C-alpha atoms as a PDB file:
ATOM      1  CA  MET A   1      -7.709  10.656  21.256  1.00  0.00           C
ATOM      2  CA  LYS A   2      -4.998  11.946  21.190  1.00  0.00           C
ATOM      3  CA  LYS A   3      -2.376  10.827  18.383  1.00  0.00           C
ATOM      4  CA  ILE A   4       1.034  11.563  17.421  1.00  0.00           C
ATOM      5  CA  ALA A   5       3.221  11.174  14.470  1.00  0.00           C
ATOM      6  CA  VAL A   6       7.030   9.236  15.176  1.00  0.00           C
ATOM      7  CA  ILE A   7       9.047   8.760  12.138  1.00  0.00           C
ATOM      8  CA  PRO A   8      12.245   6.380  13.129  1.00  0.00           C
ATOM      9  CA  ALA A   9      15.185   7.363  11.237  1.00  0.00           C
ATOM     10  CA  ARG A  10      18.600   5.104  11.462  1.00  0.00           C
ATOM     11  CA  TYR A  11      21.584   6.498   9.510  1.00  0.00           C
ATOM     12  CA  SER A  12      23.627   3.540   8.797  1.00  0.00           C
ATOM     13  CA  ALA A  13      20.590   1.242   6.439  1.00  0.00           C
ATOM     14  CA  SER A  14      22.323  -1.966   5.515  1.00  0.00           C
ATOM     15  CA  ARG A  15      21.324  -1.454   1.649  1.00  0.00           C
ATOM     16  CA  PHE A  16      22.073   1.909   1.483  1.00  0.00           C
ATOM     17  CA  PRO A  17      23.938   3.726   4.234  1.00  0.00           C
ATOM     18  CA  GLY A  18      22.969   7.170   5.168  1.00  0.00           C
ATOM     19  CA  LYS A  19      19.951   7.778   2.862  1.00  0.00           C
ATOM     20  CA  LEU A  20      18.102   9.863   4.530  1.00  0.00           C
ATOM     21  CA  MET A  21      20.612  12.340   4.490  1.00  0.00           C
ATOM     22  CA  GLN A  22      20.238  11.982   0.406  1.00  0.00           C
ATOM     23  CA  GLN A  23      19.421  15.352  -1.285  1.00  0.00           C
ATOM     24  CA  LEU A  24      15.918  14.987  -2.888  1.00  0.00           C
ATOM     25  CA  GLY A  25      14.989  18.592  -4.244  1.00  0.00           C
ATOM     26  CA  ASN A  26      16.235  21.036  -1.941  1.00  0.00           C
ATOM     27  CA  LYS A  27      15.590  18.678   0.799  1.00  0.00           C
ATOM     28  CA  THR A  28      17.016  16.064   2.459  1.00  0.00           C
ATOM     29  CA  VAL A  29      15.060  12.338   2.700  1.00  0.00           C
ATOM     30  CA  ILE A  30      14.029  12.577   6.283  1.00  0.00           C
ATOM     31  CA  ARG A  31      13.223  16.507   6.092  1.00  0.00           C
ATOM     32  CA  MET A  32      11.060  16.034   3.335  1.00  0.00           C
ATOM     33  CA  THR A  33       9.061  13.392   5.505  1.00  0.00           C
ATOM     34  CA  TYR A  34       8.876  14.981   8.510  1.00  0.00           C
ATOM     35  CA  ASP A  35       7.108  18.182   6.952  1.00  0.00           C
ATOM     36  CA  ASN A  36       5.235  16.309   4.911  1.00  0.00           C
ATOM     37  CA  VAL A  37       4.066  14.474   7.933  1.00  0.00           C
ATOM     38  CA  VAL A  38       3.540  18.274   9.713  1.00  0.00           C
ATOM     39  CA  ALA A  39       1.727  19.787   7.069  1.00  0.00           C
ATOM     40  CA  THR A  40      -1.238  16.951   7.430  1.00  0.00           C
ATOM     41  CA  ASN A  41      -2.246  19.052  10.219  1.00  0.00           C
ATOM     42  CA  LEU A  42      -3.654  15.443  11.303  1.00  0.00           C
ATOM     43  CA  PHE A  43      -1.280  14.902  14.932  1.00  0.00           C
ATOM     44  CA  ASP A  44      -1.110  16.900  17.880  1.00  0.00           C
ATOM     45  CA  ASP A  45       2.756  16.203  18.081  1.00  0.00           C
ATOM     46  CA  VAL A  46       5.256  14.536  15.354  1.00  0.00           C
ATOM     47  CA  PHE A  47       8.871  13.120  16.578  1.00  0.00           C
ATOM     48  CA  VAL A  48      11.586  11.743  14.253  1.00  0.00           C
ATOM     49  CA  VAL A  49      13.264   9.298  16.832  1.00  0.00           C
ATOM     50  CA  THR A  50      17.105   8.304  15.545  1.00  0.00           C
ATOM     51  CA  ASP A  51      20.190   6.900  17.054  1.00  0.00           C
ATOM     52  CA  SER A  52      22.525   9.655  14.795  1.00  0.00           C
ATOM     53  CA  GLU A  53      23.523  12.796  15.871  1.00  0.00           C
ATOM     54  CA  ILE A  54      23.645  13.262  12.079  1.00  0.00           C
ATOM     55  CA  ILE A  55      19.666  12.942  11.682  1.00  0.00           C
ATOM     56  CA  TYR A  56      19.294  14.664  15.163  1.00  0.00           C
ATOM     57  CA  ASN A  57      20.915  18.116  14.084  1.00  0.00           C
ATOM     58  CA  GLU A  58      19.280  17.922  10.727  1.00  0.00           C
ATOM     59  CA  ILE A  59      15.420  17.817  12.241  1.00  0.00           C
ATOM     60  CA  ILE A  60      16.394  20.020  15.153  1.00  0.00           C
ATOM     61  CA  SER A  61      18.433  23.034  13.053  1.00  0.00           C
ATOM     62  CA  ASN A  62      15.115  23.117  10.733  1.00  0.00           C
ATOM     63  CA  HIS A  63      12.747  24.113  13.869  1.00  0.00           C
ATOM     64  CA  GLY A  64      11.479  20.126  13.929  1.00  0.00           C
ATOM     65  CA  LYS A  65      11.683  18.235  16.896  1.00  0.00           C
ATOM     66  CA  ALA A  66      13.427  14.991  17.195  1.00  0.00           C
ATOM     67  CA  ILE A  67      14.547  12.373  20.141  1.00  0.00           C
ATOM     68  CA  MET A  68      17.801  10.884  20.843  1.00  0.00           C
ATOM     69  CA  SER A  69      17.284   6.824  20.831  1.00  0.00           C
ATOM     70  CA  ILE A  70      18.884   5.519  24.085  1.00  0.00           C
ATOM     71  CA  LYS A  71      19.102   2.193  23.691  1.00  0.00           C
ATOM     72  CA  ASN A  72      20.242  -0.565  20.381  1.00  0.00           C
ATOM     73  CA  HIS A  73      17.041  -1.317  18.562  1.00  0.00           C
ATOM     74  CA  GLU A  74      16.399  -4.644  16.533  1.00  0.00           C
ATOM     75  CA  THR A  75      13.197  -2.699  14.937  1.00  0.00           C
ATOM     76  CA  GLY A  76      11.939   0.608  14.432  1.00  0.00           C
ATOM     77  CA  SER A  77       8.875   0.061  16.558  1.00  0.00           C
ATOM     78  CA  ASP A  78      11.369  -0.939  19.305  1.00  0.00           C
ATOM     79  CA  ARG A  79      12.453   2.110  19.295  1.00  0.00           C
ATOM     80  CA  ILE A  80       9.472   4.083  18.849  1.00  0.00           C
ATOM     81  CA  ALA A  81       8.333   2.294  21.619  1.00  0.00           C
ATOM     82  CA  GLU A  82      11.574   3.300  23.955  1.00  0.00           C
ATOM     83  CA  ALA A  83      10.389   7.129  22.739  1.00  0.00           C
ATOM     84  CA  VAL A  84       6.552   7.368  23.324  1.00  0.00           C
ATOM     85  CA  GLU A  85       6.489   5.311  26.888  1.00  0.00           C
ATOM     86  CA  ASN A  86       6.088   8.466  28.826  1.00  0.00           C
ATOM     87  CA  ILE A  87       4.625  10.223  26.477  1.00  0.00           C
ATOM     88  CA  ASP A  88       0.657  10.991  26.608  1.00  0.00           C
ATOM     89  CA  CYS A  89      -0.818   9.738  23.661  1.00  0.00           C
ATOM     90  CA  ASP A  90      -3.459   7.216  22.654  1.00  0.00           C
ATOM     91  CA  ILE A  91      -2.378   6.358  18.725  1.00  0.00           C
ATOM     92  CA  ILE A  92       1.195   6.400  17.688  1.00  0.00           C
ATOM     93  CA  LEU A  93       1.638   6.828  13.942  1.00  0.00           C
ATOM     94  CA  ASN A  94       4.922   5.352  12.536  1.00  0.00           C
ATOM     95  CA  VAL A  95       5.948   6.855   9.133  1.00  0.00           C
ATOM     96  CA  GLN A  96       9.549   5.244   7.928  1.00  0.00           C
ATOM     97  CA  GLY A  97      11.837   8.379   7.188  1.00  0.00           C
ATOM     98  CA  ASP A  98      12.378   6.439   3.915  1.00  0.00           C
ATOM     99  CA  GLU A  99       8.943   7.127   2.870  1.00  0.00           C
ATOM    100  CA  PRO A 100       9.274  10.898   1.811  1.00  0.00           C
ATOM    101  CA  PHE A 101       5.835  11.295  -0.222  1.00  0.00           C
ATOM    102  CA  VAL A 102       3.042  10.439   2.915  1.00  0.00           C
ATOM    103  CA  ASN A 103      -0.393  12.360   2.180  1.00  0.00           C
ATOM    104  CA  TYR A 104      -2.964  13.494   4.009  1.00  0.00           C
ATOM    105  CA  LYS A 105      -5.327  10.935   2.568  1.00  0.00           C
ATOM    106  CA  ALA A 106      -3.336   8.275   3.112  1.00  0.00           C
ATOM    107  CA  LEU A 107      -2.532   9.422   7.022  1.00  0.00           C
ATOM    108  CA  SER A 108      -6.266   9.871   7.591  1.00  0.00           C
ATOM    109  CA  ASP A 109      -7.052   6.687   6.089  1.00  0.00           C
ATOM    110  CA  ILE A 110      -5.161   4.706   8.348  1.00  0.00           C
ATOM    111  CA  LEU A 111      -6.059   7.170  11.616  1.00  0.00           C
ATOM    112  CA  SER A 112      -9.732   6.097  10.348  1.00  0.00           C
ATOM    113  CA  SER A 113      -9.060   2.539  11.169  1.00  0.00           C
ATOM    114  CA  PHE A 114      -9.498   2.566  14.824  1.00  0.00           C
ATOM    115  CA  ASP A 115     -12.900   4.195  14.615  1.00  0.00           C
ATOM    116  CA  GLY A 116     -16.361   2.556  15.167  1.00  0.00           C
ATOM    117  CA  GLU A 117     -16.771  -1.033  16.392  1.00  0.00           C
ATOM    118  CA  ILE A 118     -14.504  -3.257  14.348  1.00  0.00           C
ATOM    119  CA  GLY A 119     -11.717  -0.584  15.171  1.00  0.00           C
ATOM    120  CA  LYS A 120     -11.730  -1.721  18.835  1.00  0.00           C
ATOM    121  CA  THR A 121     -10.477  -4.863  18.212  1.00  0.00           C
ATOM    122  CA  VAL A 122      -7.327  -2.939  15.556  1.00  0.00           C
ATOM    123  CA  ASP A 123      -4.129  -3.152  17.418  1.00  0.00           C
ATOM    124  CA  VAL A 124      -2.192  -1.777  14.229  1.00  0.00           C
ATOM    125  CA  ALA A 125      -2.858  -0.457  11.426  1.00  0.00           C
ATOM    126  CA  THR A 126      -1.134  -0.050   7.808  1.00  0.00           C
ATOM    127  CA  LEU A 127      -1.402   0.567   4.220  1.00  0.00           C
ATOM    128  CA  LYS A 128      -1.171  -1.711   0.755  1.00  0.00           C
ATOM    129  CA  GLU A 129      -1.533  -0.803  -2.481  1.00  0.00           C
ATOM    130  CA  SER A 130      -2.063  -3.177  -5.964  1.00  0.00           C
ATOM    131  CA  ILE A 131       0.912  -4.053  -8.051  1.00  0.00           C
ATOM    132  CA  THR A 132       0.767  -5.569 -11.018  1.00  0.00           C
ATOM    133  CA  LYS A 133       4.206  -5.750 -12.663  1.00  0.00           C
ATOM    134  CA  ASP A 134       6.385  -8.884 -11.881  1.00  0.00           C
ATOM    135  CA  GLU A 135       9.328  -6.941 -11.523  1.00  0.00           C
ATOM    136  CA  ASP A 136       7.429  -5.896  -8.375  1.00  0.00           C
ATOM    137  CA  ILE A 137       5.797  -8.816  -7.371  1.00  0.00           C
ATOM    138  CA  ASN A 138       8.793 -10.883  -7.465  1.00  0.00           C
ATOM    139  CA  ASN A 139      11.467  -7.930  -6.552  1.00  0.00           C
ATOM    140  CA  SER A 140      12.098  -9.025  -1.986  1.00  0.00           C
ATOM    141  CA  ASN A 141      12.461  -5.165  -1.278  1.00  0.00           C
ATOM    142  CA  PHE A 142       8.701  -4.741  -1.768  1.00  0.00           C
ATOM    143  CA  VAL A 143       6.940  -6.642   0.531  1.00  0.00           C
ATOM    144  CA  LYS A 144       4.025  -8.354   0.051  1.00  0.00           C
ATOM    145  CA  VAL A 145       0.585  -8.675   2.435  1.00  0.00           C
ATOM    146  CA  VAL A 146      -2.476 -10.732   2.358  1.00  0.00           C
ATOM    147  CA  THR A 147      -5.683 -10.250   4.259  1.00  0.00           C
ATOM    148  CA  ASP A 148      -8.901 -12.015   5.048  1.00  0.00           C
ATOM    149  CA  TYR A 149     -12.122 -10.775   3.850  1.00  0.00           C
ATOM    150  CA  ASN A 150     -12.296  -7.901   6.755  1.00  0.00           C
ATOM    151  CA  ASP A 151      -8.974  -6.774   5.372  1.00  0.00           C
ATOM    152  CA  PHE A 152      -6.429  -7.736   8.467  1.00  0.00           C
ATOM    153  CA  ALA A 153      -3.576  -9.284   7.599  1.00  0.00           C
ATOM    154  CA  LEU A 154      -2.975 -12.618   7.531  1.00  0.00           C
ATOM    155  CA  TYR A 155       0.678 -12.628   6.571  1.00  0.00           C
ATOM    156  CA  PHE A 156       3.378 -10.446   5.140  1.00  0.00           C
ATOM    157  CA  SER A 157       6.328 -11.656   3.375  1.00  0.00           C
ATOM    158  CA  ARG A 158       9.015 -11.409   0.750  1.00  0.00           C
ATOM    159  CA  SER A 159       7.894 -13.538  -1.395  1.00  0.00           C
ATOM    160  CA  PRO A 160       5.018 -13.449  -4.033  1.00  0.00           C
ATOM    161  CA  ILE A 161       1.883 -14.046  -2.062  1.00  0.00           C
ATOM    162  CA  PRO A 162      -0.111 -15.371  -2.406  1.00  0.00           C
ATOM    163  CA  PHE A 163       1.486 -18.356  -4.828  1.00  0.00           C
ATOM    164  CA  SER A 164      -0.179 -18.659  -8.110  1.00  0.00           C
ATOM    165  CA  ARG A 165      -0.796 -22.568  -9.058  1.00  0.00           C
ATOM    166  CA  GLU A 166      -3.947 -22.123 -11.020  1.00  0.00           C
ATOM    167  CA  ILE A 167      -2.968 -21.080 -14.784  1.00  0.00           C
ATOM    168  CA  ASN A 168      -6.237 -19.616 -15.374  1.00  0.00           C
ATOM    169  CA  PHE A 169      -6.899 -17.767 -12.556  1.00  0.00           C
ATOM    170  CA  THR A 170      -4.099 -14.224 -11.904  1.00  0.00           C
ATOM    171  CA  PRO A 171      -4.367 -13.639  -8.197  1.00  0.00           C
ATOM    172  CA  LYS A 172      -4.280  -9.811  -7.116  1.00  0.00           C
ATOM    173  CA  TYR A 173      -1.133  -8.646  -5.404  1.00  0.00           C
ATOM    174  CA  PHE A 174      -0.394  -6.078  -2.491  1.00  0.00           C
ATOM    175  CA  ARG A 175       2.448  -4.715  -1.632  1.00  0.00           C
ATOM    176  CA  HIS A 176       2.875  -3.539   1.915  1.00  0.00           C
ATOM    177  CA  ILE A 177       3.331   0.256   2.499  1.00  0.00           C
ATOM    178  CA  GLY A 178       5.102   0.771   5.354  1.00  0.00           C
ATOM    179  CA  ILE A 179       3.298   3.151   7.686  1.00  0.00           C
ATOM    180  CA  TYR A 180       1.671   1.699  10.941  1.00  0.00           C
ATOM    181  CA  ALA A 181      -0.858   3.098  13.674  1.00  0.00           C
ATOM    182  CA  PHE A 182      -0.604   1.805  16.584  1.00  0.00           C
ATOM    183  CA  ARG A 183      -2.884   1.845  19.845  1.00  0.00           C
ATOM    184  CA  LYS A 184       0.161   2.845  22.799  1.00  0.00           C
ATOM    185  CA  ASP A 185      -0.497  -0.483  24.914  1.00  0.00           C
ATOM    186  CA  ALA A 186      -0.330  -2.790  21.866  1.00  0.00           C
ATOM    187  CA  LEU A 187       3.079  -0.846  20.790  1.00  0.00           C
ATOM    188  CA  LEU A 188       4.404  -1.156  24.399  1.00  0.00           C
ATOM    189  CA  ARG A 189       3.621  -4.898  24.476  1.00  0.00           C
ATOM    190  CA  PHE A 190       4.854  -5.502  20.712  1.00  0.00           C
ATOM    191  CA  SER A 191       8.353  -4.058  22.794  1.00  0.00           C
ATOM    192  CA  LYS A 192       8.473  -7.088  25.651  1.00  0.00           C
ATOM    193  CA  LEU A 193       7.855  -9.809  23.379  1.00  0.00           C
ATOM    194  CA  THR A 194      11.057 -11.805  21.619  1.00  0.00           C
ATOM    195  CA  MET A 195      11.122 -12.586  18.513  1.00  0.00           C
ATOM    196  CA  ARG A 196       9.659 -15.898  16.805  1.00  0.00           C
ATOM    197  CA  GLN A 197      10.595 -17.823  13.810  1.00  0.00           C
ATOM    198  CA  ASN A 198       8.778 -15.998  10.920  1.00  0.00           C
ATOM    199  CA  GLU A 199      10.223 -12.511  11.906  1.00  0.00           C
ATOM    200  CA  THR A 200      13.701 -13.601  12.076  1.00  0.00           C
ATOM    201  CA  ALA A 201      13.200 -15.490   8.858  1.00  0.00           C
ATOM    202  CA  GLU A 202      11.441 -12.516   6.448  1.00  0.00           C
ATOM    203  CA  LYS A 203      13.297 -10.013   8.805  1.00  0.00           C
ATOM    204  CA  LEU A 204       9.673  -8.431   8.831  1.00  0.00           C
ATOM    205  CA  GLU A 205       8.936  -6.785  12.260  1.00  0.00           C
ATOM    206  CA  GLN A 206       4.897  -6.648  11.849  1.00  0.00           C
ATOM    207  CA  LEU A 207       5.261 -10.536  11.885  1.00  0.00           C
ATOM    208  CA  ARG A 208       5.923 -10.314  15.269  1.00  0.00           C
ATOM    209  CA  TYR A 209       2.398  -8.848  15.914  1.00  0.00           C
ATOM    210  CA  LEU A 210       0.696 -11.274  13.807  1.00  0.00           C
ATOM    211  CA  GLU A 211       2.653 -14.677  15.583  1.00  0.00           C
ATOM    212  CA  TYR A 212       1.550 -13.398  19.575  1.00  0.00           C
ATOM    213  CA  GLY A 213      -2.023 -13.318  18.146  1.00  0.00           C
ATOM    214  CA  MET A 214      -2.425  -9.390  17.664  1.00  0.00           C
ATOM    215  CA  LYS A 215      -4.696  -8.120  15.056  1.00  0.00           C
ATOM    216  CA  ILE A 216      -3.544  -5.460  12.126  1.00  0.00           C
ATOM    217  CA  LYS A 217      -6.061  -3.955  10.046  1.00  0.00           C
ATOM    218  CA  VAL A 218      -4.734  -3.066   6.402  1.00  0.00           C
ATOM    219  CA  ILE A 219      -6.672  -0.456   4.107  1.00  0.00           C
ATOM    220  CA  GLU A 220      -6.025  -0.139   0.622  1.00  0.00           C
ATOM    221  CA  THR A 221      -4.581   2.812  -0.328  1.00  0.00           C
ATOM    222  CA  GLU A 222      -3.268   4.832  -3.919  1.00  0.00           C
ATOM    223  CA  SER A 223       0.554   5.581  -4.586  1.00  0.00           C
ATOM    224  CA  ILE A 224       2.378   7.130  -2.121  1.00  0.00           C
ATOM    225  CA  GLY A 225       5.709   7.775  -4.163  1.00  0.00           C
ATOM    226  CA  ILE A 226       8.618   6.049  -4.046  1.00  0.00           C
ATOM    227  CA  GLY A 227       9.541   4.611  -1.151  1.00  0.00           C
ATOM    228  CA  ILE A 228      13.678   4.819  -0.995  1.00  0.00           C
ATOM    229  CA  ASP A 229      15.836   1.156   0.040  1.00  0.00           C
ATOM    230  CA  THR A 230      18.234   1.539  -2.635  1.00  0.00           C
ATOM    231  CA  PRO A 231      20.238   4.169  -4.658  1.00  0.00           C
ATOM    232  CA  GLU A 232      17.982   3.266  -7.849  1.00  0.00           C
ATOM    233  CA  ASP A 233      14.968   4.349  -5.751  1.00  0.00           C
ATOM    234  CA  LEU A 234      16.455   7.766  -4.743  1.00  0.00           C
ATOM    235  CA  GLU A 235      16.560   8.708  -8.356  1.00  0.00           C
ATOM    236  CA  LYS A 236      13.120   7.591  -9.645  1.00  0.00           C
ATOM    237  CA  ALA A 237      12.195   9.798  -6.153  1.00  0.00           C
ATOM    238  CA  LYS A 238      14.332  12.777  -7.807  1.00  0.00           C
ATOM    239  CA  ILE A 239      11.955  11.912 -11.091  1.00  0.00           C
ATOM    240  CA  TYR A 240       8.488  11.451  -9.405  1.00  0.00           C
ATOM    241  CA  LEU A 241       9.310  14.885  -7.252  1.00  0.00           C
ATOM    242  CA  ARG A 242       9.741  16.900 -10.571  1.00  0.00           C
ATOM    243  CA  SER A 243       6.905  15.267 -12.287  1.00  0.00           C
ATOM    244  CA  ILE A 244       4.153  16.407  -9.511  1.00  0.00           C
ATOM    245  CA  ALA A 245       6.168  19.795  -9.235  1.00  0.00           C
ATOM    246  CA  LYS A 246       5.111  20.559 -12.426  1.00  0.00           C
END
């Protein structure tokens, strides 16, 4: 199977505009994300897809590959679908531009979801990590996911799920990590479907796949570092980067 990685990158993020061009160590956030994905050597090609000339020029000027979006899009998946429609590939891995600490193991694990007999039933694969702090479980910027016994997604939410009603039982909570791998045909199908209630309410594009009956495999992984949604996250990422550089 031919595998490519695509990094959707908007400049005007609602919670932290311009976050991808913030400095993290000696690189911008988007360049660190791109370089780390390329360094895994898991892909036949890696692209940044953006509607911003600033981000496009940042990647191109540093010898990377970037594609300018032609249309306005509601979601990163829609932007990727436009970019890859005429690219020869079987699996497209989507790394969010604000996840600069992606590593080989996490990406290798997600790609392995398409192997074997069960892998043939997978439309989309993604990652989760265990969270235990109440502040994380109740943080609406930390998307939670619940899965069935085969690790297929049942639901994603900004709310704490499952709801803990039984005082003598503490459920496990998992944060969804916004890295996806798609079969190309599933991604192109997604881009032609209309947004339904759950996606509209939660503003989570992965719910569109579930609402239309597609199957999302969710692989547990160890932490991949700090995702950057807010200025506070950026400061945490700088501390984390210094800690792993020692």
